[in-house]
PDB file of N, CA and C in Angstrom:
ATOM      1  N   UNK A   1       0.828  -1.170  -0.041  1.00  0.00           N
ATOM      2  CA  UNK A   1      -0.071  -0.064  -0.067  1.00  0.00           C
ATOM      3  C   UNK A   1       0.866   1.186   0.005  1.00  0.00           C
ATOM      4  N   UNK A   2       2.007   1.082   0.663  1.00  0.00           N
ATOM      5  CA  UNK A   2       2.966   2.300   0.802  1.00  0.00           C
ATOM      6  C   UNK A   2       3.489   2.547  -0.518  1.00  0.00           C
ATOM      7  N   UNK A   3       3.826   1.620  -1.363  1.00  0.00           N
ATOM      8  CA  UNK A   3       4.306   2.022  -2.789  1.00  0.00           C
ATOM      9  C   UNK A   3       3.300   2.547  -3.629  1.00  0.00           C
ATOM     10  N   UNK A   4       2.243   2.078  -3.630  1.00  0.00           N
ATOM     11  CA  UNK A   4       0.925   2.704  -4.272  1.00  0.00           C
ATOM     12  C   UNK A   4       0.828   4.305  -3.977  1.00  0.00           C
ATOM     13  N   UNK A   5       0.898   4.630  -2.559  1.00  0.00           N
ATOM     14  CA  UNK A   5       0.703   5.911  -2.239  1.00  0.00           C
ATOM     15  C   UNK A   5       1.906   6.778  -2.640  1.00  0.00           C
ATOM     16  N   UNK A   6       3.126   6.221  -2.609  1.00  0.00           N
ATOM     17  CA  UNK A   6       4.403   6.869  -3.118  1.00  0.00           C
ATOM     18  C   UNK A   6       4.273   7.161  -4.544  1.00  0.00           C
ATOM     19  N   UNK A   7       3.947   6.131  -5.416  1.00  0.00           N
ATOM     20  CA  UNK A   7       3.707   6.279  -6.724  1.00  0.00           C
ATOM     21  C   UNK A   7       2.746   7.372  -7.020  1.00  0.00           C
ATOM     22  N   UNK A   8       1.509   7.372  -6.506  1.00  0.00           N
ATOM     23  CA  UNK A   8       0.687   8.433  -6.784  1.00  0.00           C
ATOM     24  C   UNK A   8       1.039   9.738  -6.329  1.00  0.00           C
ATOM     25  N   UNK A   9       1.695   9.905  -5.144  1.00  0.00           N
ATOM     26  CA  UNK A   9       2.358  11.060  -4.806  1.00  0.00           C
ATOM     27  C   UNK A   9       3.197  11.717  -5.554  1.00  0.00           C
ATOM     28  N   UNK A  10       4.235  10.805  -6.224  1.00  0.00           N
ATOM     29  CA  UNK A  10       5.142  11.275  -7.222  1.00  0.00           C
ATOM     30  C   UNK A  10       4.510  11.884  -8.534  1.00  0.00           C
ATOM     31  N   UNK A  11       3.533  11.112  -8.866  1.00  0.00           N
ATOM     32  CA  UNK A  11       2.817  11.401 -10.251  1.00  0.00           C
ATOM     33  C   UNK A  11       2.037  12.799  -9.899  1.00  0.00           C
ATOM     34  N   UNK A  12       1.324  13.049  -8.825  1.00  0.00           N
ATOM     35  CA  UNK A  12       0.652  14.226  -8.702  1.00  0.00           C
ATOM     36  C   UNK A  12       1.579  15.376  -8.278  1.00  0.00           C
ATOM     37  N   UNK A  13       2.676  15.073  -7.564  1.00  0.00           N
ATOM     38  CA  UNK A  13       3.508  16.132  -7.386  1.00  0.00           C
ATOM     39  C   UNK A  13       4.243  16.667  -8.649  1.00  0.00           C
ATOM     40  N   UNK A  14       4.398  15.714  -9.593  1.00  0.00           N
ATOM     41  CA  UNK A  14       4.927  16.071 -10.953  1.00  0.00           C
ATOM     42  C   UNK A  14       3.936  16.886 -11.672  1.00  0.00           C
ATOM     43  N   UNK A  15       2.732  16.540 -11.757  1.00  0.00           N
ATOM     44  CA  UNK A  15       1.624  17.190 -12.323  1.00  0.00           C
ATOM     45  C   UNK A  15       1.503  18.651 -11.704  1.00  0.00           C
ATOM     46  N   UNK A  16       1.739  18.760 -10.339  1.00  0.00           N
ATOM     47  CA  UNK A  16       1.667  19.865  -9.646  1.00  0.00           C
ATOM     48  C   UNK A  16       2.741  20.879  -9.959  1.00  0.00           C
ATOM     49  N   UNK A  17       3.941  20.558 -10.251  1.00  0.00           N
ATOM     50  CA  UNK A  17       5.166  21.171 -10.638  1.00  0.00           C
ATOM     51  C   UNK A  17       4.785  21.670 -11.920  1.00  0.00           C
ATOM     52  N   UNK A  18       4.300  20.987 -12.941  1.00  0.00           N
ATOM     53  CA  UNK A  18       4.025  21.374 -14.389  1.00  0.00           C
ATOM     54  C   UNK A  18       2.980  22.393 -14.400  1.00  0.00           C
ATOM     55  N   UNK A  19       1.935  22.009 -13.557  1.00  0.00           N
ATOM     56  CA  UNK A  19       0.831  22.964 -13.688  1.00  0.00           C
ATOM     57  C   UNK A  19       1.026  24.404 -13.002  1.00  0.00           C
ATOM     58  N   UNK A  20       1.858  24.360 -11.926  1.00  0.00           N
ATOM     59  CA  UNK A  20       2.055  25.515 -11.389  1.00  0.00           C
ATOM     60  C   UNK A  20       3.075  26.529 -12.108  1.00  0.00           C
ATOM     61  N   UNK A  21       3.845  25.987 -13.103  1.00  0.00           N
ATOM     62  CA  UNK A  21       4.735  26.683 -14.000  1.00  0.00           C
ATOM     63  C   UNK A  21       3.851  27.327 -15.014  1.00  0.00           C
ATOM     64  N   UNK A  22       2.757  26.396 -15.570  1.00  0.00           N
ATOM     65  CA  UNK A  22       1.875  26.952 -16.757  1.00  0.00           C
ATOM     66  C   UNK A  22       1.005  27.901 -16.174  1.00  0.00           C
ATOM     67  N   UNK A  23       0.403  28.773 -16.970  1.00  0.00           N
ATOM     68  CA  UNK A  23      -0.509  29.880 -16.587  1.00  0.00           C
ATOM     69  C   UNK A  23      -1.828  29.268 -16.382  1.00  0.00           C
ATOM     70  N   UNK A  24      -2.138  28.525 -15.478  1.00  0.00           N
ATOM     71  CA  UNK A  24      -3.373  27.916 -15.336  1.00  0.00           C
ATOM     72  C   UNK A  24      -4.192  28.366 -14.122  1.00  0.00           C
ATOM     73  N   UNK A  25      -3.591  29.387 -13.412  1.00  0.00           N
ATOM     74  CA  UNK A  25      -4.278  29.854 -12.242  1.00  0.00           C
ATOM     75  C   UNK A  25      -4.107  29.048 -11.132  1.00  0.00           C
ATOM     76  N   UNK A  26      -5.253  28.890 -10.448  1.00  0.00           N
ATOM     77  CA  UNK A  26      -5.420  27.843  -9.210  1.00  0.00           C
ATOM     78  C   UNK A  26      -5.725  26.593  -9.575  1.00  0.00           C
ATOM     79  N   UNK A  27      -5.673  26.242 -10.765  1.00  0.00           N
ATOM     80  CA  UNK A  27      -6.011  24.801 -11.161  1.00  0.00           C
ATOM     81  C   UNK A  27      -4.887  23.863 -10.736  1.00  0.00           C
ATOM     82  N   UNK A  28      -3.727  24.421 -10.611  1.00  0.00           N
ATOM     83  CA  UNK A  28      -2.671  23.588 -10.016  1.00  0.00           C
ATOM     84  C   UNK A  28      -2.699  23.129  -8.625  1.00  0.00           C
ATOM     85  N   UNK A  29      -3.670  23.724  -7.982  1.00  0.00           N
ATOM     86  CA  UNK A  29      -3.779  23.406  -6.518  1.00  0.00           C
ATOM     87  C   UNK A  29      -4.534  21.911  -6.327  1.00  0.00           C
ATOM     88  N   UNK A  30      -5.216  21.480  -7.496  1.00  0.00           N
ATOM     89  CA  UNK A  30      -5.892  20.070  -7.394  1.00  0.00           C
ATOM     90  C   UNK A  30      -4.651  19.168  -7.428  1.00  0.00           C
ATOM     91  N   UNK A  31      -3.768  18.864  -8.318  1.00  0.00           N
ATOM     92  CA  UNK A  31      -2.885  17.936  -8.291  1.00  0.00           C
ATOM     93  C   UNK A  31      -1.875  18.090  -7.042  1.00  0.00           C
ATOM     94  N   UNK A  32      -1.603  19.256  -6.798  1.00  0.00           N
ATOM     95  CA  UNK A  32      -0.578  19.502  -5.568  1.00  0.00           C
ATOM     96  C   UNK A  32      -1.291  18.953  -4.294  1.00  0.00           C
ATOM     97  N   UNK A  33      -2.568  19.220  -4.238  1.00  0.00           N
ATOM     98  CA  UNK A  33      -3.265  18.786  -2.910  1.00  0.00           C
ATOM     99  C   UNK A  33      -3.264  17.262  -2.902  1.00  0.00           C
ATOM    100  N   UNK A  34      -3.698  16.740  -3.980  1.00  0.00           N
ATOM    101  CA  UNK A  34      -3.633  15.260  -4.089  1.00  0.00           C
ATOM    102  C   UNK A  34      -2.234  14.512  -3.969  1.00  0.00           C
ATOM    103  N   UNK A  35      -1.093  15.298  -4.358  1.00  0.00           N
ATOM    104  CA  UNK A  35       0.170  14.787  -4.112  1.00  0.00           C
ATOM    105  C   UNK A  35       0.510  15.028  -2.575  1.00  0.00           C
ATOM    106  N   UNK A  36       0.039  16.032  -2.054  1.00  0.00           N
ATOM    107  CA  UNK A  36       0.260  16.287  -0.584  1.00  0.00           C
ATOM    108  C   UNK A  36      -0.422  15.188   0.307  1.00  0.00           C
ATOM    109  N   UNK A  37      -1.738  14.905   0.024  1.00  0.00           N
ATOM    110  CA  UNK A  37      -2.363  13.884   0.588  1.00  0.00           C
ATOM    111  C   UNK A  37      -1.759  12.532   0.389  1.00  0.00           C
ATOM    112  N   UNK A  38      -1.411  12.070  -0.812  1.00  0.00           N
ATOM    113  CA  UNK A  38      -0.923  10.790  -0.838  1.00  0.00           C
ATOM    114  C   UNK A  38       0.521  10.763  -0.235  1.00  0.00           C
ATOM    115  N   UNK A  39       1.320  11.892  -0.342  1.00  0.00           N
ATOM    116  CA  UNK A  39       2.573  11.916   0.390  1.00  0.00           C
ATOM    117  C   UNK A  39       2.478  11.703   1.842  1.00  0.00           C
ATOM    118  N   UNK A  40       1.449  12.327   2.501  1.00  0.00           N
ATOM    119  CA  UNK A  40       1.116  12.096   3.820  1.00  0.00           C
ATOM    120  C   UNK A  40       0.780  10.714   4.227  1.00  0.00           C
ATOM    121  N   UNK A  41      -0.091  10.110   3.369  1.00  0.00           N
ATOM    122  CA  UNK A  41      -0.425   8.741   3.581  1.00  0.00           C
ATOM    123  C   UNK A  41       0.782   7.846   3.628  1.00  0.00           C
ATOM    124  N   UNK A  42       1.623   8.076   2.479  1.00  0.00           N
ATOM    125  CA  UNK A  42       2.814   7.196   2.486  1.00  0.00           C
ATOM    126  C   UNK A  42       3.853   7.471   3.723  1.00  0.00           C
ATOM    127  N   UNK A  43       3.872   8.621   4.099  1.00  0.00           N
ATOM    128  CA  UNK A  43       4.610   8.968   5.404  1.00  0.00           C
ATOM    129  C   UNK A  43       4.079   8.179   6.523  1.00  0.00           C
ATOM    130  N   UNK A  44       2.725   8.117   6.704  1.00  0.00           N
ATOM    131  CA  UNK A  44       2.163   7.594   7.789  1.00  0.00           C
ATOM    132  C   UNK A  44       2.263   6.051   7.821  1.00  0.00           C
ATOM    133  N   UNK A  45       2.238   5.382   6.677  1.00  0.00           N
ATOM    134  CA  UNK A  45       2.377   4.096   6.367  1.00  0.00           C
ATOM    135  C   UNK A  45       3.942   3.557   6.399  1.00  0.00           C
ATOM    136  N   UNK A  46       4.823   4.582   6.282  1.00  0.00           N
ATOM    137  CA  UNK A  46       6.306   4.148   6.365  1.00  0.00           C
ATOM    138  C   UNK A  46       6.909   3.874   7.692  1.00  0.00           C
ATOM    139  N   UNK A  47       7.971   3.054   7.656  1.00  0.00           N
ATOM    140  CA  UNK A  47       8.652   2.841   8.969  1.00  0.00           C
ATOM    141  C   UNK A  47       9.643   4.007   9.029  1.00  0.00           C
ATOM    142  N   UNK A  48      10.356   4.162  10.273  1.00  0.00           N
ATOM    143  CA  UNK A  48      11.163   5.247  10.604  1.00  0.00           C
ATOM    144  C   UNK A  48      12.115   5.293   9.508  1.00  0.00           C
ATOM    145  N   UNK A  49      12.908   4.398   8.976  1.00  0.00           N
ATOM    146  CA  UNK A  49      13.943   4.525   7.954  1.00  0.00           C
ATOM    147  C   UNK A  49      13.442   4.847   6.517  1.00  0.00           C
ATOM    148  N   UNK A  50      12.027   4.630   6.316  1.00  0.00           N
ATOM    149  CA  UNK A  50      11.767   4.808   5.105  1.00  0.00           C
ATOM    150  C   UNK A  50      10.996   6.143   4.805  1.00  0.00           C
ATOM    151  N   UNK A  51      11.082   7.200   5.752  1.00  0.00           N
ATOM    152  CA  UNK A  51      10.198   8.472   5.725  1.00  0.00           C
ATOM    153  C   UNK A  51      10.822   9.485   5.048  1.00  0.00           C
ATOM    154  N   UNK A  52      12.176   9.196   4.318  1.00  0.00           N
ATOM    155  CA  UNK A  52      12.773  10.384   3.814  1.00  0.00           C
ATOM    156  C   UNK A  52      12.123  10.869   2.381  1.00  0.00           C
ATOM    157  N   UNK A  53      11.719   9.950   1.555  1.00  0.00           N
ATOM    158  CA  UNK A  53      11.008  10.294   0.311  1.00  0.00           C
ATOM    159  C   UNK A  53       9.699  10.976   0.605  1.00  0.00           C
ATOM    160  N   UNK A  54       8.794  10.376   1.405  1.00  0.00           N
ATOM    161  CA  UNK A  54       7.503  11.175   1.675  1.00  0.00           C
ATOM    162  C   UNK A  54       7.794  12.561   2.149  1.00  0.00           C
ATOM    163  N   UNK A  55       8.757  12.737   3.033  1.00  0.00           N
ATOM    164  CA  UNK A  55       9.006  14.138   3.562  1.00  0.00           C
ATOM    165  C   UNK A  55       9.364  15.073   2.434  1.00  0.00           C
ATOM    166  N   UNK A  56      10.289  14.621   1.350  1.00  0.00           N
ATOM    167  CA  UNK A  56      10.582  15.370   0.294  1.00  0.00           C
ATOM    168  C   UNK A  56       9.419  15.723  -0.616  1.00  0.00           C
ATOM    169  N   UNK A  57       8.690  14.763  -0.864  1.00  0.00           N
ATOM    170  CA  UNK A  57       7.448  14.899  -1.597  1.00  0.00           C
ATOM    171  C   UNK A  57       6.546  15.950  -0.831  1.00  0.00           C
ATOM    172  N   UNK A  58       6.289  15.792   0.447  1.00  0.00           N
ATOM    173  CA  UNK A  58       5.542  16.774   1.085  1.00  0.00           C
ATOM    174  C   UNK A  58       6.134  18.310   1.123  1.00  0.00           C
ATOM    175  N   UNK A  59       7.528  18.462   1.117  1.00  0.00           N
ATOM    176  CA  UNK A  59       8.098  19.805   1.028  1.00  0.00           C
ATOM    177  C   UNK A  59       7.988  20.299  -0.406  1.00  0.00           C
ATOM    178  N   UNK A  60       8.090  19.399  -1.347  1.00  0.00           N
ATOM    179  CA  UNK A  60       7.847  19.874  -2.950  1.00  0.00           C
ATOM    180  C   UNK A  60       6.517  20.453  -3.077  1.00  0.00           C
ATOM    181  N   UNK A  61       5.562  19.590  -2.487  1.00  0.00           N
ATOM    182  CA  UNK A  61       4.007  19.986  -2.657  1.00  0.00           C
ATOM    183  C   UNK A  61       3.809  21.270  -1.922  1.00  0.00           C
ATOM    184  N   UNK A  62       4.322  21.392  -0.689  1.00  0.00           N
ATOM    185  CA  UNK A  62       4.187  22.730  -0.059  1.00  0.00           C
ATOM    186  C   UNK A  62       4.764  23.894  -0.695  1.00  0.00           C
ATOM    187  N   UNK A  63       5.835  23.802  -1.218  1.00  0.00           N
ATOM    188  CA  UNK A  63       6.633  24.716  -2.051  1.00  0.00           C
ATOM    189  C   UNK A  63       5.782  25.160  -3.227  1.00  0.00           C
ATOM    190  N   UNK A  64       5.366  24.215  -3.940  1.00  0.00           N
ATOM    191  CA  UNK A  64       4.374  24.472  -5.077  1.00  0.00           C
ATOM    192  C   UNK A  64       3.162  25.257  -4.810  1.00  0.00           C
ATOM    193  N   UNK A  65       2.591  24.856  -3.556  1.00  0.00           N
ATOM    194  CA  UNK A  65       1.369  25.626  -2.989  1.00  0.00           C
ATOM    195  C   UNK A  65       1.772  26.972  -2.799  1.00  0.00           C
ATOM    196  N   UNK A  66       2.780  27.311  -2.059  1.00  0.00           N
ATOM    197  CA  UNK A  66       3.302  28.704  -1.709  1.00  0.00           C
ATOM    198  C   UNK A  66       3.582  29.517  -3.175  1.00  0.00           C
ATOM    199  N   UNK A  67       4.086  28.752  -4.227  1.00  0.00           N
ATOM    200  CA  UNK A  67       4.428  29.298  -5.421  1.00  0.00           C
ATOM    201  C   UNK A  67       3.156  29.720  -6.183  1.00  0.00           C
ATOM    202  N   UNK A  68       2.133  28.884  -6.186  1.00  0.00           N
ATOM    203  CA  UNK A  68       1.010  29.115  -6.859  1.00  0.00           C
ATOM    204  C   UNK A  68       0.073  30.068  -6.278  1.00  0.00           C
ATOM    205  N   UNK A  69       0.030  30.128  -4.981  1.00  0.00           N
ATOM    206  CA  UNK A  69      -0.672  31.085  -4.234  1.00  0.00           C
ATOM    207  C   UNK A  69       0.140  32.580  -4.471  1.00  0.00           C
ATOM    208  N   UNK A  70       1.263  32.531  -4.287  1.00  0.00           N
ATOM    209  CA  UNK A  70       2.211  33.664  -4.506  1.00  0.00           C
ATOM    210  C   UNK A  70       1.972  34.345  -5.974  1.00  0.00           C
ATOM    211  N   UNK A  71       1.896  33.346  -6.972  1.00  0.00           N
ATOM    212  CA  UNK A  71       1.680  33.918  -8.288  1.00  0.00           C
ATOM    213  C   UNK A  71       0.171  34.395  -8.518  1.00  0.00           C
ATOM    214  N   UNK A  72      -0.584  33.849  -7.865  1.00  0.00           N
ATOM    215  CA  UNK A  72      -2.060  34.236  -7.874  1.00  0.00           C
ATOM    216  C   UNK A  72      -2.375  35.593  -7.217  1.00  0.00           C
ATOM    217  N   UNK A  73      -1.807  35.824  -5.964  1.00  0.00           N
ATOM    218  CA  UNK A  73      -2.019  36.956  -5.294  1.00  0.00           C
ATOM    219  C   UNK A  73      -1.246  38.109  -5.602  1.00  0.00           C
ATOM    220  N   UNK A  74       0.191  37.905  -5.990  1.00  0.00           N
ATOM    221  CA  UNK A  74       1.040  38.985  -6.024  1.00  0.00           C
ATOM    222  C   UNK A  74       1.308  39.613  -7.406  1.00  0.00           C
ATOM    223  N   UNK A  75       1.028  38.600  -8.354  1.00  0.00           N
ATOM    224  CA  UNK A  75       1.210  39.152  -9.803  1.00  0.00           C
ATOM    225  C   UNK A  75      -0.162  39.771 -10.449  1.00  0.00           C
ATOM    226  N   UNK A  76      -0.053  40.807 -10.883  1.00  0.00           N
ATOM    227  CA  UNK A  76      -1.413  41.386 -11.337  1.00  0.00           C
ATOM    228  C   UNK A  76      -1.353  41.478 -12.995  1.00  0.00           C
ATOM    229  N   UNK A  77      -2.299  40.829 -13.514  1.00  0.00           N
ATOM    230  CA  UNK A  77      -2.366  40.899 -14.894  1.00  0.00           C
ATOM    231  C   UNK A  77      -2.918  42.305 -15.443  1.00  0.00           C
ATOM    232  N   UNK A  78      -2.187  43.024 -16.108  1.00  0.00           N
ATOM    233  CA  UNK A  78      -2.747  44.450 -16.620  1.00  0.00           C
ATOM    234  C   UNK A  78      -2.549  44.304 -18.235  1.00  0.00           C
ATOM    235  N   UNK A  79      -3.405  45.005 -18.826  1.00  0.00           N
ATOM    236  CA  UNK A  79      -3.480  45.236 -20.266  1.00  0.00           C
ATOM    237  C   UNK A  79      -3.080  46.754 -20.493  1.00  0.00           C
ATOM    238  N   UNK A  80      -1.931  46.823 -21.138  1.00  0.00           N
ATOM    239  CA  UNK A  80      -1.551  48.246 -21.322  1.00  0.00           C
ATOM    240  C   UNK A  80      -1.920  48.661 -22.818  1.00  0.00           C
ATOM    241  N   UNK A  81      -2.284  49.853 -22.993  1.00  0.00           N
ATOM    242  CA  UNK A  81      -2.727  50.369 -24.412  1.00  0.00           C
ATOM    243  C   UNK A  81      -1.449  50.810 -25.039  1.00  0.00           C
ATOM    244  N   UNK A  82      -1.301  50.312 -26.278  1.00  0.00           N
ATOM    245  CA  UNK A  82      -0.176  50.541 -27.186  1.00  0.00           C
ATOM    246  C   UNK A  82      -0.485  51.850 -28.010  1.00  0.00           C
ATOM    247  N   UNK A  83      -0.072  52.978 -27.509  1.00  0.00           N
ATOM    248  CA  UNK A  83      -0.331  54.234 -28.306  1.00  0.00           C
ATOM    249  C   UNK A  83       0.259  54.340 -29.614  1.00  0.00           C
ATOM    250  N   UNK A  84       1.446  53.793 -29.738  1.00  0.00           N
ATOM    251  CA  UNK A  84       2.210  53.812 -31.044  1.00  0.00           C
ATOM    252  C   UNK A  84       1.380  53.080 -32.031  1.00  0.00           C
ATOM    253  N   UNK A  85       1.026  51.793 -31.573  1.00  0.00           N
ATOM    254  CA  UNK A  85       0.276  51.058 -32.634  1.00  0.00           C
ATOM    255  C   UNK A  85      -1.040  51.706 -33.103  1.00  0.00           C
ATOM    256  N   UNK A  86      -1.663  52.356 -32.067  1.00  0.00           N
ATOM    257  CA  UNK A  86      -2.888  53.190 -32.485  1.00  0.00           C
ATOM    258  C   UNK A  86      -2.684  54.231 -33.521  1.00  0.00           C
ATOM    259  N   UNK A  87      -1.434  54.920 -33.282  1.00  0.00           N
ATOM    260  CA  UNK A  87      -1.165  55.988 -34.146  1.00  0.00           C
ATOM    261  C   UNK A  87      -0.812  55.316 -35.624  1.00  0.00           C
ATOM    262  N   UNK A  88       0.046  54.276 -35.648  1.00  0.00           N
ATOM    263  CA  UNK A  88       0.259  53.770 -36.899  1.00  0.00           C
ATOM    264  C   UNK A  88      -0.982  53.188 -37.583  1.00  0.00           C
ATOM    265  N   UNK A  89      -1.800  52.760 -36.907  1.00  0.00           N
ATOM    266  CA  UNK A  89      -3.087  52.268 -37.528  1.00  0.00           C
ATOM    267  C   UNK A  89      -4.026  53.383 -37.998  1.00  0.00           C
ATOM    268  N   UNK A  90      -4.058  54.516 -37.523  1.00  0.00           N
ATOM    269  CA  UNK A  90      -4.801  55.737 -37.850  1.00  0.00           C
ATOM    270  C   UNK A  90      -4.027  56.356 -39.087  1.00  0.00           C
ATOM    271  N   UNK A  91      -2.612  56.283 -39.136  1.00  0.00           N
ATOM    272  CA  UNK A  91      -1.990  56.735 -40.353  1.00  0.00           C
ATOM    273  C   UNK A  91      -1.992  55.903 -41.490  1.00  0.00           C
ATOM    274  N   UNK A  92      -2.053  54.614 -41.288  1.00  0.00           N
ATOM    275  CA  UNK A  92      -2.135  53.524 -42.324  1.00  0.00           C
ATOM    276  C   UNK A  92      -3.652  53.764 -42.832  1.00  0.00           C
ATOM    277  N   UNK A  93      -4.625  54.042 -42.125  1.00  0.00           N
ATOM    278  CA  UNK A  93      -5.939  54.181 -42.538  1.00  0.00           C
ATOM    279  C   UNK A  93      -6.028  55.309 -43.492  1.00  0.00           C
ATOM    280  N   UNK A  94      -5.425  56.394 -42.994  1.00  0.00           N
ATOM    281  CA  UNK A  94      -5.384  57.814 -43.730  1.00  0.00           C
ATOM    282  C   UNK A  94      -4.659  57.646 -45.152  1.00  0.00           C
ATOM    283  N   UNK A  95      -3.604  56.866 -45.092  1.00  0.00           N
ATOM    284  CA  UNK A  95      -2.742  56.677 -46.224  1.00  0.00           C
ATOM    285  C   UNK A  95      -3.527  55.841 -47.383  1.00  0.00           C
ATOM    286  N   UNK A  96      -4.194  54.752 -46.855  1.00  0.00           N
ATOM    287  CA  UNK A  96      -5.043  53.919 -47.681  1.00  0.00           C
ATOM    288  C   UNK A  96      -6.327  54.692 -48.275  1.00  0.00           C
ATOM    289  N   UNK A  97      -6.848  55.675 -47.452  1.00  0.00           N
ATOM    290  CA  UNK A  97      -8.010  56.390 -47.976  1.00  0.00           C
ATOM    291  C   UNK A  97      -7.408  57.300 -49.119  1.00  0.00           C
ATOM    292  N   UNK A  98      -6.294  58.019 -48.758  1.00  0.00           N
ATOM    293  CA  UNK A  98      -5.631  58.978 -49.840  1.00  0.00           C
ATOM    294  C   UNK A  98      -5.410  58.225 -51.158  1.00  0.00           C
ATOM    295  N   UNK A  99      -4.807  57.030 -50.969  1.00  0.00           N
ATOM    296  CA  UNK A  99      -4.561  56.176 -52.092  1.00  0.00           C
ATOM    297  C   UNK A  99      -5.990  55.791 -52.842  1.00  0.00           C
ATOM    298  N   UNK A 100      -6.906  55.538 -52.217  1.00  0.00           N
ATOM    299  CA  UNK A 100      -8.215  55.352 -52.909  1.00  0.00           C
ATOM    300  C   UNK A 100      -8.796  56.494 -53.587  1.00  0.00           C
ATOM    301  N   UNK A 101      -8.504  57.660 -52.974  1.00  0.00           N
ATOM    302  CA  UNK A 101      -9.092  58.890 -53.591  1.00  0.00           C
ATOM    303  C   UNK A 101      -8.321  59.206 -54.768  1.00  0.00           C
ATOM    304  N   UNK A 102      -6.919  58.896 -54.841  1.00  0.00           N
ATOM    305  CA  UNK A 102      -6.039  59.033 -55.876  1.00  0.00           C
ATOM    306  C   UNK A 102      -6.532  58.179 -57.143  1.00  0.00           C
ATOM    307  N   UNK A 103      -6.721  56.897 -56.804  1.00  0.00           N
ATOM    308  CA  UNK A 103      -7.247  55.983 -57.800  1.00  0.00           C
ATOM    309  C   UNK A 103      -8.541  56.410 -58.427  1.00  0.00           C
ATOM    310  N   UNK A 104      -9.445  56.980 -57.685  1.00  0.00           N
ATOM    311  CA  UNK A 104     -10.791  57.431 -58.028  1.00  0.00           C
ATOM    312  C   UNK A 104     -10.644  58.700 -58.897  1.00  0.00           C
ATOM    313  N   UNK A 105      -9.642  59.507 -58.612  1.00  0.00           N
ATOM    314  CA  UNK A 105      -9.302  60.601 -59.544  1.00  0.00           C
ATOM    315  C   UNK A 105      -8.826  60.348 -60.866  1.00  0.00           C
ATOM    316  N   UNK A 106      -8.332  59.213 -60.977  1.00  0.00           N
ATOM    317  CA  UNK A 106      -7.495  58.845 -62.289  1.00  0.00           C
ATOM    318  C   UNK A 106      -8.548  58.318 -63.423  1.00  0.00           C
ATOM    319  N   UNK A 107      -9.635  57.900 -62.737  1.00  0.00           N
ATOM    320  CA  UNK A 107     -10.751  57.114 -63.664  1.00  0.00           C
ATOM    321  C   UNK A 107     -11.410  58.276 -64.621  1.00  0.00           C
TER     322      UNK A 107
END
């Protein structure tokens, strides 16, 4: 049973690491939480000499939780207005209109 919990903890912690790096918001908390639960179950089923890997898995999961929550609450997504692009768009429209007027004048 311990090996099953360890395998599940490793898999879910790996998914948690990948999801925490990707821009998925708080969706990464689901595999991280499952990895933390399975690591704790493996820790409780382990003997004294076998508790090293479950401890590391719990530390990795907790570090991922802190990273995801920090990324969620500390980083603000802002949309900036690109004034240079807007000016270029207006100039391009005016040039296109001027070209059309010149073509109409040639007919």
